Amino acid sequence: DRTETVRFFHCYKRGVDRVFVDHPMFLEKVWGKTGAKLYGPTTGDDYRDNQLRFCLLCLAALEAARVLNLNNSEYFSGPYGENVVFVANDWHTG
């Protein structure tokens, strides 16, 4: 077991809270460093840390809704708790 710390960046636009998650592990597979290969060195071959990186992203998303002061509307301010919908469109977040 180990503890990882993530950073959240939040903006509220057009009635929607948008939260971005940052961690150094996410930047290890970026343009230039891996030849634009985000999921694996070759098609069908995953990086060994994919499961850890994707799990960290999913757990951070769940935690954000629980702890961040989101939804800057006149009717509600504070953590969403269970009243939240996640929109996920990639296999590792869906």
PDB file of N, CA and C in Angstrom:
ATOM      1  N   ASP A   1       0.835  -1.195   0.000  1.00  0.00           N
ATOM      2  CA  ASP A   1       0.000   0.000   0.000  1.00  0.00           C
ATOM      3  C   ASP A   1       0.871   1.246   0.000  1.00  0.00           C
ATOM      4  N   ARG A   2       0.431   2.235  -0.751  1.00  0.00           N
ATOM      5  CA  ARG A   2       1.122   3.520  -0.734  1.00  0.00           C
ATOM      6  C   ARG A   2       0.101   4.623  -0.958  1.00  0.00           C
ATOM      7  N   THR A   3       0.445   5.791  -0.541  1.00  0.00           N
ATOM      8  CA  THR A   3      -0.434   6.944  -0.687  1.00  0.00           C
ATOM      9  C   THR A   3       0.100   7.846  -1.779  1.00  0.00           C
ATOM     10  N   GLU A   4      -0.762   8.240  -2.686  1.00  0.00           N
ATOM     11  CA  GLU A   4      -0.411   9.183  -3.752  1.00  0.00           C
ATOM     12  C   GLU A   4      -1.220  10.458  -3.544  1.00  0.00           C
ATOM     13  N   THR A   5      -0.605  11.589  -3.776  1.00  0.00           N
ATOM     14  CA  THR A   5      -1.274  12.879  -3.643  1.00  0.00           C
ATOM     15  C   THR A   5      -1.502  13.471  -5.023  1.00  0.00           C
ATOM     16  N   VAL A   6      -2.729  13.863  -5.294  1.00  0.00           N
ATOM     17  CA  VAL A   6      -3.063  14.494  -6.571  1.00  0.00           C
ATOM     18  C   VAL A   6      -3.440  15.948  -6.314  1.00  0.00           C
ATOM     19  N   ARG A   7      -3.393  16.749  -7.375  1.00  0.00           N
ATOM     20  CA  ARG A   7      -3.854  18.135  -7.307  1.00  0.00           C
ATOM     21  C   ARG A   7      -5.078  18.261  -8.202  1.00  0.00           C
ATOM     22  N   PHE A   8      -6.029  19.070  -7.754  1.00  0.00           N
ATOM     23  CA  PHE A   8      -7.233  19.327  -8.527  1.00  0.00           C
ATOM     24  C   PHE A   8      -7.215  20.761  -9.038  1.00  0.00           C
ATOM     25  N   PHE A   9      -7.641  20.945 -10.267  1.00  0.00           N
ATOM     26  CA  PHE A   9      -7.861  22.267 -10.836  1.00  0.00           C
ATOM     27  C   PHE A   9      -9.335  22.322 -11.215  1.00  0.00           C
ATOM     28  N   HIS A  10      -9.996  23.390 -10.824  1.00  0.00           N
ATOM     29  CA  HIS A  10     -11.443  23.478 -10.986  1.00  0.00           C
ATOM     30  C   HIS A  10     -11.833  24.768 -11.686  1.00  0.00           C
ATOM     31  N   CYS A  11     -12.792  24.667 -12.588  1.00  0.00           N
ATOM     32  CA  CYS A  11     -13.422  25.860 -13.153  1.00  0.00           C
ATOM     33  C   CYS A  11     -14.911  25.576 -13.301  1.00  0.00           C
ATOM     34  N   TYR A  12     -15.678  26.622 -13.275  1.00  0.00           N
ATOM     35  CA  TYR A  12     -17.129  26.528 -13.408  1.00  0.00           C
ATOM     36  C   TYR A  12     -17.505  27.322 -14.643  1.00  0.00           C
ATOM     37  N   LYS A  13     -18.036  26.647 -15.655  1.00  0.00           N
ATOM     38  CA  LYS A  13     -18.329  27.305 -16.924  1.00  0.00           C
ATOM     39  C   LYS A  13     -19.650  26.792 -17.468  1.00  0.00           C
ATOM     40  N   ARG A  14     -20.507  27.725 -17.844  1.00  0.00           N
ATOM     41  CA  ARG A  14     -21.809  27.391 -18.433  1.00  0.00           C
ATOM     42  C   ARG A  14     -22.610  26.422 -17.568  1.00  0.00           C
ATOM     43  N   GLY A  15     -22.555  26.623 -16.277  1.00  0.00           N
ATOM     44  CA  GLY A  15     -23.333  25.804 -15.359  1.00  0.00           C
ATOM     45  C   GLY A  15     -22.774  24.427 -15.080  1.00  0.00           C
ATOM     46  N   VAL A  16     -21.527  24.188 -15.463  1.00  0.00           N
ATOM     47  CA  VAL A  16     -20.922  22.867 -15.284  1.00  0.00           C
ATOM     48  C   VAL A  16     -19.597  23.003 -14.544  1.00  0.00           C
ATOM     49  N   ASP A  17     -19.427  22.202 -13.491  1.00  0.00           N
ATOM     50  CA  ASP A  17     -18.135  22.129 -12.815  1.00  0.00           C
ATOM     51  C   ASP A  17     -17.209  21.257 -13.637  1.00  0.00           C
ATOM     52  N   ARG A  18     -16.019  21.745 -13.868  1.00  0.00           N
ATOM     53  CA  ARG A  18     -15.009  20.975 -14.601  1.00  0.00           C
ATOM     54  C   ARG A  18     -13.796  20.835 -13.695  1.00  0.00           C
ATOM     55  N   VAL A  19     -13.427  19.599 -13.425  1.00  0.00           N
ATOM     56  CA  VAL A  19     -12.316  19.320 -12.523  1.00  0.00           C
ATOM     57  C   VAL A  19     -11.250  18.558 -13.290  1.00  0.00           C
ATOM     58  N   PHE A  20     -10.025  19.039 -13.187  1.00  0.00           N
ATOM     59  CA  PHE A  20      -8.887  18.391 -13.828  1.00  0.00           C
ATOM     60  C   PHE A  20      -7.979  17.852 -12.733  1.00  0.00           C
ATOM     61  N   VAL A  21      -7.438  16.665 -12.959  1.00  0.00           N
ATOM     62  CA  VAL A  21      -6.607  15.991 -11.971  1.00  0.00           C
ATOM     63  C   VAL A  21      -5.163  15.998 -12.453  1.00  0.00           C
ATOM     64  N   ASP A  22      -4.245  16.362 -11.557  1.00  0.00           N
ATOM     65  CA  ASP A  22      -2.825  16.410 -11.904  1.00  0.00           C
ATOM     66  C   ASP A  22      -2.025  15.509 -10.970  1.00  0.00           C
ATOM     67  N   HIS A  23      -1.098  14.787 -11.548  1.00  0.00           N
ATOM     68  CA  HIS A  23      -0.151  13.950 -10.803  1.00  0.00           C
ATOM     69  C   HIS A  23       1.049  13.718 -11.719  1.00  0.00           C
ATOM     70  N   PRO A  24       2.267  13.715 -11.185  1.00  0.00           N
ATOM     71  CA  PRO A  24       3.446  13.505 -12.039  1.00  0.00           C
ATOM     72  C   PRO A  24       3.374  12.234 -12.880  1.00  0.00           C
ATOM     73  N   MET A  25       2.710  11.211 -12.372  1.00  0.00           N
ATOM     74  CA  MET A  25       2.594   9.954 -13.106  1.00  0.00           C
ATOM     75  C   MET A  25       1.862  10.145 -14.441  1.00  0.00           C
ATOM     76  N   PHE A  26       0.944  11.113 -14.481  1.00  0.00           N
ATOM     77  CA  PHE A  26       0.187  11.353 -15.711  1.00  0.00           C
ATOM     78  C   PHE A  26       1.050  12.008 -16.782  1.00  0.00           C
ATOM     79  N   LEU A  27       2.080  12.713 -16.377  1.00  0.00           N
ATOM     80  CA  LEU A  27       2.924  13.433 -17.330  1.00  0.00           C
ATOM     81  C   LEU A  27       4.074  12.592 -17.874  1.00  0.00           C
ATOM     82  N   GLU A  28       4.255  11.400 -17.344  1.00  0.00           N
ATOM     83  CA  GLU A  28       5.341  10.539 -17.812  1.00  0.00           C
ATOM     84  C   GLU A  28       5.117  10.043 -19.230  1.00  0.00           C
ATOM     85  N   LYS A  29       3.881   9.999 -19.663  1.00  0.00           N
ATOM     86  CA  LYS A  29       3.558   9.498 -21.001  1.00  0.00           C
ATOM     87  C   LYS A  29       2.979  10.640 -21.833  1.00  0.00           C
ATOM     88  N   VAL A  30       3.806  11.601 -22.162  1.00  0.00           N
ATOM     89  CA  VAL A  30       3.334  12.765 -22.924  1.00  0.00           C
ATOM     90  C   VAL A  30       4.073  12.879 -24.244  1.00  0.00           C
ATOM     91  N   TRP A  31       3.543  13.737 -25.122  1.00  0.00           N
ATOM     92  CA  TRP A  31       4.144  13.961 -26.438  1.00  0.00           C
ATOM     93  C   TRP A  31       5.639  14.218 -26.298  1.00  0.00           C
ATOM     94  N   GLY A  32       6.401  13.583 -27.140  1.00  0.00           N
ATOM     95  CA  GLY A  32       7.842  13.795 -27.159  1.00  0.00           C
ATOM     96  C   GLY A  32       8.599  12.783 -26.332  1.00  0.00           C
ATOM     97  N   LYS A  33       8.139  12.506 -25.119  1.00  0.00           N
ATOM     98  CA  LYS A  33       8.843  11.562 -24.260  1.00  0.00           C
ATOM     99  C   LYS A  33       8.618  10.120 -24.694  1.00  0.00           C
ATOM    100  N   THR A  34       7.436   9.817 -25.194  1.00  0.00           N
ATOM    101  CA  THR A  34       7.115   8.440 -25.570  1.00  0.00           C
ATOM    102  C   THR A  34       6.733   8.332 -27.037  1.00  0.00           C
ATOM    103  N   GLY A  35       7.071   9.329 -27.819  1.00  0.00           N
ATOM    104  CA  GLY A  35       6.740   9.282 -29.239  1.00  0.00           C
ATOM    105  C   GLY A  35       5.253   9.291 -29.505  1.00  0.00           C
ATOM    106  N   ALA A  36       4.509  10.045 -28.693  1.00  0.00           N
ATOM    107  CA  ALA A  36       3.061  10.202 -28.845  1.00  0.00           C
ATOM    108  C   ALA A  36       2.292   8.916 -28.541  1.00  0.00           C
ATOM    109  N   LYS A  37       2.897   7.991 -27.832  1.00  0.00           N
ATOM    110  CA  LYS A  37       2.227   6.744 -27.459  1.00  0.00           C
ATOM    111  C   LYS A  37       1.760   6.859 -26.014  1.00  0.00           C
ATOM    112  N   LEU A  38       0.467   7.051 -25.805  1.00  0.00           N
ATOM    113  CA  LEU A  38      -0.052   7.277 -24.460  1.00  0.00           C
ATOM    114  C   LEU A  38      -0.383   5.995 -23.712  1.00  0.00           C
ATOM    115  N   TYR A  39      -0.760   4.928 -24.421  1.00  0.00           N
ATOM    116  CA  TYR A  39      -1.219   3.709 -23.771  1.00  0.00           C
ATOM    117  C   TYR A  39      -0.198   2.579 -23.814  1.00  0.00           C
ATOM    118  N   GLY A  40       0.725   2.618 -24.757  1.00  0.00           N
ATOM    119  CA  GLY A  40       1.729   1.576 -24.867  1.00  0.00           C
ATOM    120  C   GLY A  40       2.740   1.910 -25.935  1.00  0.00           C
ATOM    121  N   PRO A  41       3.904   1.257 -25.900  1.00  0.00           N
ATOM    122  CA  PRO A  41       4.960   1.560 -26.867  1.00  0.00           C
ATOM    123  C   PRO A  41       4.585   1.191 -28.302  1.00  0.00           C
ATOM    124  N   THR A  42       3.728   0.187 -28.443  1.00  0.00           N
ATOM    125  CA  THR A  42       3.243  -0.206 -29.766  1.00  0.00           C
ATOM    126  C   THR A  42       1.767  -0.566 -29.646  1.00  0.00           C
ATOM    127  N   THR A  43       1.069  -0.604 -30.749  1.00  0.00           N
ATOM    128  CA  THR A  43      -0.349  -0.950 -30.740  1.00  0.00           C
ATOM    129  C   THR A  43      -0.544  -2.334 -30.132  1.00  0.00           C
ATOM    130  N   GLY A  44      -1.442  -2.430 -29.161  1.00  0.00           N
ATOM    131  CA  GLY A  44      -1.729  -3.704 -28.510  1.00  0.00           C
ATOM    132  C   GLY A  44      -0.796  -4.057 -27.378  1.00  0.00           C
ATOM    133  N   ASP A  45       0.186  -3.219 -27.087  1.00  0.00           N
ATOM    134  CA  ASP A  45       1.163  -3.469 -26.026  1.00  0.00           C
ATOM    135  C   ASP A  45       1.064  -2.332 -25.017  1.00  0.00           C
ATOM    136  N   ASP A  46       0.532  -2.613 -23.821  1.00  0.00           N
ATOM    137  CA  ASP A  46       0.317  -1.577 -22.815  1.00  0.00           C
ATOM    138  C   ASP A  46       1.581  -1.290 -22.013  1.00  0.00           C
ATOM    139  N   TYR A  47       1.683  -0.040 -21.533  1.00  0.00           N
ATOM    140  CA  TYR A  47       2.720   0.277 -20.553  1.00  0.00           C
ATOM    141  C   TYR A  47       2.393  -0.466 -19.266  1.00  0.00           C
ATOM    142  N   ARG A  48       3.415  -0.838 -18.518  1.00  0.00           N
ATOM    143  CA  ARG A  48       3.215  -1.612 -17.290  1.00  0.00           C
ATOM    144  C   ARG A  48       2.443  -0.847 -16.218  1.00  0.00           C
ATOM    145  N   ASP A  49       2.548   0.477 -16.233  1.00  0.00           N
ATOM    146  CA  ASP A  49       1.900   1.264 -15.183  1.00  0.00           C
ATOM    147  C   ASP A  49       0.509   1.764 -15.567  1.00  0.00           C
ATOM    148  N   ASN A  50      -0.034   1.334 -16.687  1.00  0.00           N
ATOM    149  CA  ASN A  50      -1.357   1.810 -17.113  1.00  0.00           C
ATOM    150  C   ASN A  50      -2.426   1.587 -16.048  1.00  0.00           C
ATOM    151  N   GLN A  51      -2.471   0.393 -15.488  1.00  0.00           N
ATOM    152  CA  GLN A  51      -3.504   0.089 -14.501  1.00  0.00           C
ATOM    153  C   GLN A  51      -3.395   1.024 -13.300  1.00  0.00           C
ATOM    154  N   LEU A  52      -2.194   1.282 -12.836  1.00  0.00           N
ATOM    155  CA  LEU A  52      -1.990   2.177 -11.701  1.00  0.00           C
ATOM    156  C   LEU A  52      -2.388   3.610 -12.051  1.00  0.00           C
ATOM    157  N   ARG A  53      -1.972   4.098 -13.208  1.00  0.00           N
ATOM    158  CA  ARG A  53      -2.297   5.473 -13.612  1.00  0.00           C
ATOM    159  C   ARG A  53      -3.800   5.657 -13.789  1.00  0.00           C
ATOM    160  N   PHE A  54      -4.453   4.719 -14.442  1.00  0.00           N
ATOM    161  CA  PHE A  54      -5.883   4.852 -14.696  1.00  0.00           C
ATOM    162  C   PHE A  54      -6.689   4.697 -13.406  1.00  0.00           C
ATOM    163  N   CYS A  55      -6.247   3.814 -12.525  1.00  0.00           N
ATOM    164  CA  CYS A  55      -6.907   3.645 -11.231  1.00  0.00           C
ATOM    165  C   CYS A  55      -6.785   4.928 -10.406  1.00  0.00           C
ATOM    166  N   LEU A  56      -5.608   5.527 -10.410  1.00  0.00           N
ATOM    167  CA  LEU A  56      -5.399   6.779  -9.681  1.00  0.00           C
ATOM    168  C   LEU A  56      -6.313   7.879 -10.212  1.00  0.00           C
ATOM    169  N   LEU A  57      -6.451   7.975 -11.518  1.00  0.00           N
ATOM    170  CA  LEU A  57      -7.338   8.972 -12.119  1.00  0.00           C
ATOM    171  C   LEU A  57      -8.791   8.745 -11.693  1.00  0.00           C
ATOM    172  N   CYS A  58      -9.251   7.506 -11.737  1.00  0.00           N
ATOM    173  CA  CYS A  58     -10.636   7.199 -11.362  1.00  0.00           C
ATOM    174  C   CYS A  58     -10.891   7.471  -9.882  1.00  0.00           C
ATOM    175  N   LEU A  59      -9.968   7.063  -9.022  1.00  0.00           N
ATOM    176  CA  LEU A  59     -10.135   7.311  -7.591  1.00  0.00           C
ATOM    177  C   LEU A  59     -10.123   8.801  -7.283  1.00  0.00           C
ATOM    178  N   ALA A  60      -9.274   9.546  -7.962  1.00  0.00           N
ATOM    179  CA  ALA A  60      -9.225  10.994  -7.757  1.00  0.00           C
ATOM    180  C   ALA A  60     -10.537  11.645  -8.176  1.00  0.00           C
ATOM    181  N   ALA A  61     -11.129  11.185  -9.264  1.00  0.00           N
ATOM    182  CA  ALA A  61     -12.410  11.739  -9.713  1.00  0.00           C
ATOM    183  C   ALA A  61     -13.500  11.488  -8.675  1.00  0.00           C
ATOM    184  N   LEU A  62     -13.532  10.297  -8.119  1.00  0.00           N
ATOM    185  CA  LEU A  62     -14.517   9.993  -7.080  1.00  0.00           C
ATOM    186  C   LEU A  62     -14.295  10.851  -5.842  1.00  0.00           C
ATOM    187  N   GLU A  63     -13.052  11.036  -5.474  1.00  0.00           N
ATOM    188  CA  GLU A  63     -12.720  11.839  -4.294  1.00  0.00           C
ATOM    189  C   GLU A  63     -13.049  13.315  -4.509  1.00  0.00           C
ATOM    190  N   ALA A  64     -12.854  13.819  -5.710  1.00  0.00           N
ATOM    191  CA  ALA A  64     -13.119  15.235  -5.998  1.00  0.00           C
ATOM    192  C   ALA A  64     -14.565  15.592  -5.693  1.00  0.00           C
ATOM    193  N   ALA A  65     -15.480  14.763  -6.120  1.00  0.00           N
ATOM    194  CA  ALA A  65     -16.903  15.048  -5.884  1.00  0.00           C
ATOM    195  C   ALA A  65     -17.253  15.009  -4.403  1.00  0.00           C
ATOM    196  N   ARG A  66     -16.485  14.272  -3.637  1.00  0.00           N
ATOM    197  CA  ARG A  66     -16.754  14.128  -2.211  1.00  0.00           C
ATOM    198  C   ARG A  66     -16.167  15.262  -1.379  1.00  0.00           C
ATOM    199  N   VAL A  67     -15.021  15.828  -1.800  1.00  0.00           N
ATOM    200  CA  VAL A  67     -14.313  16.768  -0.926  1.00  0.00           C
ATOM    201  C   VAL A  67     -14.223  18.204  -1.434  1.00  0.00           C
ATOM    202  N   LEU A  68     -14.351  18.428  -2.739  1.00  0.00           N
ATOM    203  CA  LEU A  68     -14.187  19.783  -3.261  1.00  0.00           C
ATOM    204  C   LEU A  68     -15.466  20.597  -3.134  1.00  0.00           C
ATOM    205  N   ASN A  69     -15.308  21.899  -2.932  1.00  0.00           N
ATOM    206  CA  ASN A  69     -16.441  22.815  -2.943  1.00  0.00           C
ATOM    207  C   ASN A  69     -16.793  23.099  -4.392  1.00  0.00           C
ATOM    208  N   LEU A  70     -17.775  22.404  -4.909  1.00  0.00           N
ATOM    209  CA  LEU A  70     -18.161  22.528  -6.307  1.00  0.00           C
ATOM    210  C   LEU A  70     -19.542  23.144  -6.421  1.00  0.00           C
ATOM    211  N   ASN A  71     -19.958  23.386  -7.641  1.00  0.00           N
ATOM    212  CA  ASN A  71     -21.290  23.897  -7.951  1.00  0.00           C
ATOM    213  C   ASN A  71     -21.526  25.254  -7.302  1.00  0.00           C
ATOM    214  N   ASN A  72     -21.045  26.272  -7.933  1.00  0.00           N
ATOM    215  CA  ASN A  72     -21.162  27.634  -7.421  1.00  0.00           C
ATOM    216  C   ASN A  72     -22.513  28.265  -7.736  1.00  0.00           C
ATOM    217  N   SER A  73     -23.579  27.514  -7.625  1.00  0.00           N
ATOM    218  CA  SER A  73     -24.899  28.070  -7.917  1.00  0.00           C
ATOM    219  C   SER A  73     -25.437  28.792  -6.688  1.00  0.00           C
ATOM    220  N   GLU A  74     -26.496  29.553  -6.879  1.00  0.00           N
ATOM    221  CA  GLU A  74     -27.097  30.279  -5.762  1.00  0.00           C
ATOM    222  C   GLU A  74     -27.840  29.344  -4.814  1.00  0.00           C
ATOM    223  N   TYR A  75     -28.126  28.125  -5.252  1.00  0.00           N
ATOM    224  CA  TYR A  75     -28.903  27.191  -4.451  1.00  0.00           C
ATOM    225  C   TYR A  75     -28.057  26.186  -3.686  1.00  0.00           C
ATOM    226  N   PHE A  76     -26.813  26.038  -4.074  1.00  0.00           N
ATOM    227  CA  PHE A  76     -26.000  24.981  -3.469  1.00  0.00           C
ATOM    228  C   PHE A  76     -24.533  25.358  -3.521  1.00  0.00           C
ATOM    229  N   SER A  77     -23.828  25.095  -2.445  1.00  0.00           N
ATOM    230  CA  SER A  77     -22.377  25.249  -2.434  1.00  0.00           C
ATOM    231  C   SER A  77     -21.813  24.217  -1.474  1.00  0.00           C
ATOM    232  N   GLY A  78     -20.840  23.489  -1.911  1.00  0.00           N
ATOM    233  CA  GLY A  78     -20.233  22.467  -1.074  1.00  0.00           C
ATOM    234  C   GLY A  78     -19.991  21.208  -1.864  1.00  0.00           C
ATOM    235  N   PRO A  79     -19.458  20.201  -1.210  1.00  0.00           N
ATOM    236  CA  PRO A  79     -19.228  18.931  -1.907  1.00  0.00           C
ATOM    237  C   PRO A  79     -20.543  18.324  -2.388  1.00  0.00           C
ATOM    238  N   TYR A  80     -20.506  17.701  -3.551  1.00  0.00           N
ATOM    239  CA  TYR A  80     -21.695  17.059  -4.101  1.00  0.00           C
ATOM    240  C   TYR A  80     -22.104  15.835  -3.292  1.00  0.00           C
ATOM    241  N   GLY A  81     -21.135  15.129  -2.765  1.00  0.00           N
ATOM    242  CA  GLY A  81     -21.460  13.877  -2.096  1.00  0.00           C
ATOM    243  C   GLY A  81     -21.911  12.857  -3.118  1.00  0.00           C
ATOM    244  N   GLU A  82     -23.097  12.301  -2.932  1.00  0.00           N
ATOM    245  CA  GLU A  82     -23.612  11.280  -3.843  1.00  0.00           C
ATOM    246  C   GLU A  82     -24.406  11.869  -5.001  1.00  0.00           C
ATOM    247  N   ASN A  83     -24.691  13.156  -4.994  1.00  0.00           N
ATOM    248  CA  ASN A  83     -25.507  13.786  -6.034  1.00  0.00           C
ATOM    249  C   ASN A  83     -24.635  14.286  -7.177  1.00  0.00           C
ATOM    250  N   VAL A  84     -24.067  13.361  -7.918  1.00  0.00           N
ATOM    251  CA  VAL A  84     -23.128  13.738  -8.969  1.00  0.00           C
ATOM    252  C   VAL A  84     -23.239  12.759 -10.133  1.00  0.00           C
ATOM    253  N   VAL A  85     -22.957  13.248 -11.320  1.00  0.00           N
ATOM    254  CA  VAL A  85     -22.912  12.405 -12.514  1.00  0.00           C
ATOM    255  C   VAL A  85     -21.519  12.537 -13.111  1.00  0.00           C
ATOM    256  N   PHE A  86     -20.912  11.428 -13.463  1.00  0.00           N
ATOM    257  CA  PHE A  86     -19.613  11.434 -14.120  1.00  0.00           C
ATOM    258  C   PHE A  86     -19.806  11.159 -15.602  1.00  0.00           C
ATOM    259  N   VAL A  87     -19.174  11.956 -16.428  1.00  0.00           N
ATOM    260  CA  VAL A  87     -19.172  11.719 -17.866  1.00  0.00           C
ATOM    261  C   VAL A  87     -17.779  11.208 -18.213  1.00  0.00           C
ATOM    262  N   ALA A  88     -17.699   9.958 -18.654  1.00  0.00           N
ATOM    263  CA  ALA A  88     -16.416   9.335 -18.970  1.00  0.00           C
ATOM    264  C   ALA A  88     -16.500   8.746 -20.370  1.00  0.00           C
ATOM    265  N   ASN A  89     -15.474   8.981 -21.184  1.00  0.00           N
ATOM    266  CA  ASN A  89     -15.581   8.533 -22.573  1.00  0.00           C
ATOM    267  C   ASN A  89     -14.405   7.704 -23.067  1.00  0.00           C
ATOM    268  N   ASP A  90     -13.502   7.323 -22.204  1.00  0.00           N
ATOM    269  CA  ASP A  90     -12.404   6.439 -22.595  1.00  0.00           C
ATOM    270  C   ASP A  90     -12.514   5.149 -21.796  1.00  0.00           C
ATOM    271  N   TRP A  91     -11.934   4.084 -22.311  1.00  0.00           N
ATOM    272  CA  TRP A  91     -12.062   2.792 -21.640  1.00  0.00           C
ATOM    273  C   TRP A  91     -11.487   2.827 -20.232  1.00  0.00           C
ATOM    274  N   HIS A  92     -10.447   3.605 -19.991  1.00  0.00           N
ATOM    275  CA  HIS A  92      -9.808   3.613 -18.679  1.00  0.00           C
ATOM    276  C   HIS A  92     -10.566   4.464 -17.662  1.00  0.00           C
ATOM    277  N   THR A  93     -11.495   5.315 -18.089  1.00  0.00           N
ATOM    278  CA  THR A  93     -12.304   6.069 -17.136  1.00  0.00           C
ATOM    279  C   THR A  93     -13.747   5.602 -17.117  1.00  0.00           C
ATOM    280  N   GLY A  94     -14.175   4.885 -18.132  1.00  0.00           N
ATOM    281  CA  GLY A  94     -15.562   4.418 -18.207  1.00  0.00           C
ATOM    282  C   GLY A  94     -15.758   3.185 -17.394  1.00  0.00           C
TER     283      GLY A  94
END
